[in-house]
Amino acid sequence: MARRNKEAKKLCDRKSALIRENAHLDGIIEELLISVSEKRNIKNGQIMPDTGKIMRNHARNRQLAEIVKRQHNEISVLKQEVERLRKKTFPALLKVQR
């Protein structure tokens, strides 16, 4: 019985991971479809007057999103480091707070 519960939990975890991965891949597919559509329009000469500006904005937004992701990761690492140092420096206070 316990083995089945463990297997069921593993399957649920795997299912959740696959759902997240599929959602991520759907986002990538959507970006790629937009990119293909834009390239097709450029190739066919159906370029809007502000296409250059739109493409620059898109590229800038992508760069900013990457920066945000990196900074978020850096902040989480720094928070962990602060917590580790706090535990190391003030171990007696941690016992009092609990």
N, C-alpha and C. Protein backbone atom coordinates (compact mmCIF):
# COMPACT_ATOMS: atom_id res chain seq x y z
N MET A 1 0.82 -1.20 0.00
CA MET A 1 0.00 0.00 0.00
C MET A 1 0.86 1.26 0.00
N ALA A 2 1.87 1.26 0.89
CA ALA A 2 2.76 2.42 0.97
C ALA A 2 3.55 2.58 -0.33
N ARG A 3 3.90 1.45 -0.92
CA ARG A 3 4.65 1.50 -2.18
C ARG A 3 3.81 2.14 -3.27
N ARG A 4 2.53 1.80 -3.30
CA ARG A 4 1.63 2.38 -4.30
C ARG A 4 1.47 3.89 -4.08
N ASN A 5 1.40 4.28 -2.82
CA ASN A 5 1.29 5.71 -2.52
C ASN A 5 2.54 6.45 -2.98
N LYS A 6 3.70 5.84 -2.75
CA LYS A 6 4.95 6.46 -3.20
C LYS A 6 4.98 6.57 -4.72
N GLU A 7 4.56 5.50 -5.38
CA GLU A 7 4.53 5.51 -6.85
C GLU A 7 3.54 6.54 -7.36
N ALA A 8 2.39 6.63 -6.70
CA ALA A 8 1.38 7.62 -7.11
C ALA A 8 1.92 9.03 -6.91
N LYS A 9 2.61 9.27 -5.81
CA LYS A 9 3.19 10.59 -5.57
C LYS A 9 4.25 10.91 -6.63
N LYS A 10 5.09 9.92 -6.94
CA LYS A 10 6.10 10.13 -7.98
C LYS A 10 5.45 10.47 -9.32
N LEU A 11 4.38 9.75 -9.64
CA LEU A 11 3.68 10.01 -10.90
C LEU A 11 3.04 11.40 -10.90
N CYS A 12 2.48 11.80 -9.77
CA CYS A 12 1.89 13.15 -9.67
C CYS A 12 2.96 14.22 -9.83
N ASP A 13 4.11 13.99 -9.17
CA ASP A 13 5.21 14.94 -9.30
C ASP A 13 5.69 15.03 -10.74
N ARG A 14 5.82 13.87 -11.37
CA ARG A 14 6.26 13.83 -12.78
C ARG A 14 5.24 14.53 -13.66
N LYS A 15 3.95 14.30 -13.39
CA LYS A 15 2.89 14.95 -14.16
C LYS A 15 2.98 16.46 -14.01
N SER A 16 3.18 16.95 -12.79
CA SER A 16 3.30 18.38 -12.55
C SER A 16 4.50 18.96 -13.30
N ALA A 17 5.60 18.24 -13.26
CA ALA A 17 6.80 18.70 -13.96
C ALA A 17 6.55 18.76 -15.46
N LEU A 18 5.87 17.77 -16.00
CA LEU A 18 5.58 17.76 -17.43
C LEU A 18 4.61 18.87 -17.81
N ILE A 19 3.65 19.16 -16.95
CA ILE A 19 2.72 20.26 -17.21
C ILE A 19 3.47 21.58 -17.26
N ARG A 20 4.38 21.79 -16.28
CA ARG A 20 5.18 23.03 -16.28
C ARG A 20 6.05 23.11 -17.53
N GLU A 21 6.67 22.00 -17.89
CA GLU A 21 7.52 21.98 -19.07
C GLU A 21 6.71 22.26 -20.34
N ASN A 22 5.51 21.69 -20.43
CA ASN A 22 4.65 21.93 -21.59
C ASN A 22 4.24 23.40 -21.66
N ALA A 23 3.93 23.99 -20.52
CA ALA A 23 3.56 25.41 -20.51
C ALA A 23 4.73 26.26 -21.00
N HIS A 24 5.93 25.92 -20.54
CA HIS A 24 7.12 26.64 -20.98
C HIS A 24 7.33 26.48 -22.49
N LEU A 25 7.18 25.25 -22.97
CA LEU A 25 7.36 24.98 -24.39
C LEU A 25 6.27 25.68 -25.23
N ASP A 26 5.05 25.76 -24.69
CA ASP A 26 3.99 26.49 -25.40
C ASP A 26 4.37 27.95 -25.57
N GLY A 27 4.97 28.53 -24.54
CA GLY A 27 5.42 29.92 -24.64
C GLY A 27 6.50 30.08 -25.70
N ILE A 28 7.42 29.14 -25.75
CA ILE A 28 8.48 29.19 -26.75
C ILE A 28 7.89 29.04 -28.15
N ILE A 29 6.95 28.13 -28.29
CA ILE A 29 6.31 27.93 -29.60
C ILE A 29 5.61 29.20 -30.04
N GLU A 30 4.93 29.85 -29.11
CA GLU A 30 4.23 31.09 -29.46
C GLU A 30 5.21 32.16 -29.93
N GLU A 31 6.34 32.29 -29.22
CA GLU A 31 7.36 33.26 -29.64
C GLU A 31 7.91 32.91 -31.02
N LEU A 32 8.15 31.63 -31.25
CA LEU A 32 8.68 31.20 -32.54
C LEU A 32 7.68 31.45 -33.66
N LEU A 33 6.41 31.21 -33.41
CA LEU A 33 5.39 31.47 -34.42
C LEU A 33 5.34 32.95 -34.77
N ILE A 34 5.44 33.79 -33.75
CA ILE A 34 5.45 35.24 -34.00
C ILE A 34 6.67 35.61 -34.82
N SER A 35 7.82 35.05 -34.45
CA SER A 35 9.05 35.34 -35.16
C SER A 35 8.95 34.90 -36.62
N VAL A 36 8.42 33.69 -36.85
CA VAL A 36 8.27 33.19 -38.22
C VAL A 36 7.32 34.09 -39.01
N SER A 37 6.24 34.49 -38.37
CA SER A 37 5.27 35.35 -39.03
C SER A 37 5.90 36.69 -39.41
N GLU A 38 6.68 37.25 -38.47
CA GLU A 38 7.35 38.52 -38.77
C GLU A 38 8.33 38.36 -39.92
N LYS A 39 9.11 37.28 -39.91
CA LYS A 39 10.07 37.05 -40.98
C LYS A 39 9.38 36.83 -42.32
N ARG A 40 8.25 36.13 -42.29
CA ARG A 40 7.49 35.91 -43.51
C ARG A 40 6.97 37.25 -44.06
N ASN A 41 6.49 38.10 -43.18
CA ASN A 41 6.01 39.41 -43.61
C ASN A 41 7.14 40.24 -44.19
N ILE A 42 8.31 40.17 -43.58
CA ILE A 42 9.46 40.91 -44.11
C ILE A 42 9.84 40.38 -45.48
N LYS A 43 9.86 39.06 -45.61
CA LYS A 43 10.23 38.45 -46.89
C LYS A 43 9.23 38.82 -47.98
N ASN A 44 7.96 38.86 -47.63
CA ASN A 44 6.94 39.18 -48.62
C ASN A 44 6.78 40.68 -48.85
N GLY A 45 7.55 41.48 -48.15
CA GLY A 45 7.49 42.92 -48.37
C GLY A 45 6.33 43.60 -47.66
N GLN A 46 5.73 42.93 -46.73
CA GLN A 46 4.61 43.51 -45.99
C GLN A 46 5.10 44.10 -44.68
N ILE A 47 6.10 44.94 -44.80
CA ILE A 47 6.70 45.52 -43.61
C ILE A 47 5.92 46.78 -43.23
N MET A 48 5.54 46.85 -41.97
CA MET A 48 4.87 48.04 -41.49
C MET A 48 5.92 49.14 -41.31
N PRO A 49 5.50 50.40 -41.35
CA PRO A 49 6.47 51.48 -41.18
C PRO A 49 7.23 51.44 -39.86
N ASP A 50 6.59 50.97 -38.81
CA ASP A 50 7.22 50.97 -37.49
C ASP A 50 7.80 49.61 -37.13
N THR A 51 8.01 48.75 -38.11
CA THR A 51 8.50 47.41 -37.83
C THR A 51 9.85 47.45 -37.13
N GLY A 52 10.73 48.31 -37.58
CA GLY A 52 12.05 48.42 -36.96
C GLY A 52 11.94 48.79 -35.49
N LYS A 53 11.07 49.73 -35.21
CA LYS A 53 10.87 50.16 -33.83
C LYS A 53 10.27 49.03 -33.00
N ILE A 54 9.31 48.32 -33.56
CA ILE A 54 8.68 47.20 -32.85
C ILE A 54 9.70 46.11 -32.57
N MET A 55 10.54 45.81 -33.56
CA MET A 55 11.54 44.77 -33.38
C MET A 55 12.58 45.18 -32.33
N ARG A 56 12.98 46.46 -32.32
CA ARG A 56 13.91 46.94 -31.31
C ARG A 56 13.29 46.84 -29.92
N ASN A 57 12.01 47.22 -29.82
CA ASN A 57 11.32 47.12 -28.53
C ASN A 57 11.23 45.67 -28.07
N HIS A 58 10.94 44.78 -29.00
CA HIS A 58 10.85 43.36 -28.67
C HIS A 58 12.20 42.83 -28.17
N ALA A 59 13.26 43.20 -28.88
CA ALA A 59 14.60 42.77 -28.48
C ALA A 59 14.97 43.34 -27.11
N ARG A 60 14.63 44.61 -26.90
CA ARG A 60 14.93 45.25 -25.62
C ARG A 60 14.15 44.57 -24.49
N ASN A 61 12.88 44.27 -24.74
CA ASN A 61 12.07 43.60 -23.72
C ASN A 61 12.63 42.22 -23.39
N ARG A 62 13.09 41.52 -24.41
CA ARG A 62 13.68 40.20 -24.19
C ARG A 62 14.95 40.32 -23.34
N GLN A 63 15.78 41.33 -23.65
CA GLN A 63 16.99 41.54 -22.87
C GLN A 63 16.66 41.90 -21.43
N LEU A 64 15.66 42.76 -21.25
CA LEU A 64 15.27 43.16 -19.90
C LEU A 64 14.72 41.97 -19.12
N ALA A 65 13.97 41.10 -19.79
CA ALA A 65 13.45 39.91 -19.13
C ALA A 65 14.59 39.00 -18.68
N GLU A 66 15.61 38.86 -19.51
CA GLU A 66 16.77 38.05 -19.14
C GLU A 66 17.49 38.65 -17.95
N ILE A 67 17.63 39.98 -17.94
CA ILE A 67 18.28 40.66 -16.82
C ILE A 67 17.48 40.44 -15.54
N VAL A 68 16.15 40.54 -15.64
CA VAL A 68 15.29 40.33 -14.47
C VAL A 68 15.48 38.92 -13.93
N LYS A 69 15.53 37.93 -14.81
CA LYS A 69 15.71 36.54 -14.37
C LYS A 69 17.05 36.39 -13.64
N ARG A 70 18.12 36.95 -14.23
CA ARG A 70 19.44 36.84 -13.61
C ARG A 70 19.45 37.52 -12.24
N GLN A 71 18.86 38.73 -12.17
CA GLN A 71 18.84 39.45 -10.90
C GLN A 71 18.00 38.71 -9.86
N HIS A 72 16.90 38.11 -10.28
CA HIS A 72 16.07 37.34 -9.35
C HIS A 72 16.87 36.18 -8.77
N ASN A 73 17.60 35.48 -9.63
CA ASN A 73 18.42 34.36 -9.17
C ASN A 73 19.51 34.86 -8.21
N GLU A 74 20.12 35.99 -8.56
CA GLU A 74 21.17 36.55 -7.72
C GLU A 74 20.61 36.96 -6.35
N ILE A 75 19.43 37.55 -6.34
CA ILE A 75 18.81 37.96 -5.08
C ILE A 75 18.52 36.74 -4.21
N SER A 76 18.00 35.68 -4.81
CA SER A 76 17.70 34.48 -4.02
C SER A 76 18.99 33.88 -3.44
N VAL A 77 20.06 33.89 -4.21
CA VAL A 77 21.33 33.38 -3.70
C VAL A 77 21.81 34.26 -2.55
N LEU A 78 21.69 35.58 -2.70
CA LEU A 78 22.13 36.49 -1.64
C LEU A 78 21.27 36.34 -0.39
N LYS A 79 19.97 36.11 -0.55
CA LYS A 79 19.11 35.89 0.61
C LYS A 79 19.54 34.64 1.36
N GLN A 80 19.85 33.58 0.61
CA GLN A 80 20.31 32.35 1.24
C GLN A 80 21.62 32.58 1.98
N GLU A 81 22.51 33.36 1.38
CA GLU A 81 23.79 33.66 2.01
C GLU A 81 23.58 34.46 3.29
N VAL A 82 22.68 35.44 3.24
CA VAL A 82 22.39 36.24 4.44
C VAL A 82 21.85 35.34 5.55
N GLU A 83 20.93 34.47 5.21
CA GLU A 83 20.35 33.57 6.20
C GLU A 83 21.41 32.65 6.78
N ARG A 84 22.28 32.16 5.93
CA ARG A 84 23.36 31.28 6.40
C ARG A 84 24.28 32.03 7.36
N LEU A 85 24.65 33.27 6.99
CA LEU A 85 25.51 34.06 7.86
C LEU A 85 24.81 34.43 9.16
N ARG A 86 23.52 34.71 9.10
CA ARG A 86 22.77 35.04 10.30
C ARG A 86 22.75 33.84 11.26
N LYS A 87 22.54 32.66 10.70
CA LYS A 87 22.54 31.45 11.52
C LYS A 87 23.93 31.21 12.13
N LYS A 88 24.96 31.51 11.36
CA LYS A 88 26.32 31.30 11.82
C LYS A 88 26.70 32.32 12.89
N THR A 89 26.28 33.58 12.70
CA THR A 89 26.67 34.66 13.59
C THR A 89 25.85 34.69 14.87
N PHE A 90 24.56 34.45 14.76
CA PHE A 90 23.68 34.56 15.92
C PHE A 90 22.92 33.25 16.16
N PRO A 91 23.61 32.16 16.44
CA PRO A 91 22.88 30.90 16.62
C PRO A 91 22.01 30.93 17.88
N ALA A 92 22.39 31.67 18.89
CA ALA A 92 21.60 31.72 20.12
C ALA A 92 20.26 32.41 19.89
N LEU A 93 20.25 33.42 19.01
CA LEU A 93 19.00 34.12 18.73
C LEU A 93 18.00 33.22 18.02
N LEU A 94 18.49 32.34 17.19
CA LEU A 94 17.59 31.42 16.49
C LEU A 94 16.86 30.51 17.46
N LYS A 95 17.55 30.07 18.52
CA LYS A 95 16.92 29.23 19.50
C LYS A 95 15.87 29.99 20.29
N VAL A 96 16.12 31.27 20.57
CA VAL A 96 15.18 32.09 21.33
C VAL A 96 13.92 32.35 20.50
N GLN A 97 14.06 32.59 19.22
CA GLN A 97 12.92 32.92 18.36
C GLN A 97 11.98 31.73 18.22
N ARG A 98 12.47 30.55 18.29
CA ARG A 98 11.63 29.35 18.12
C ARG A 98 10.88 29.13 19.37
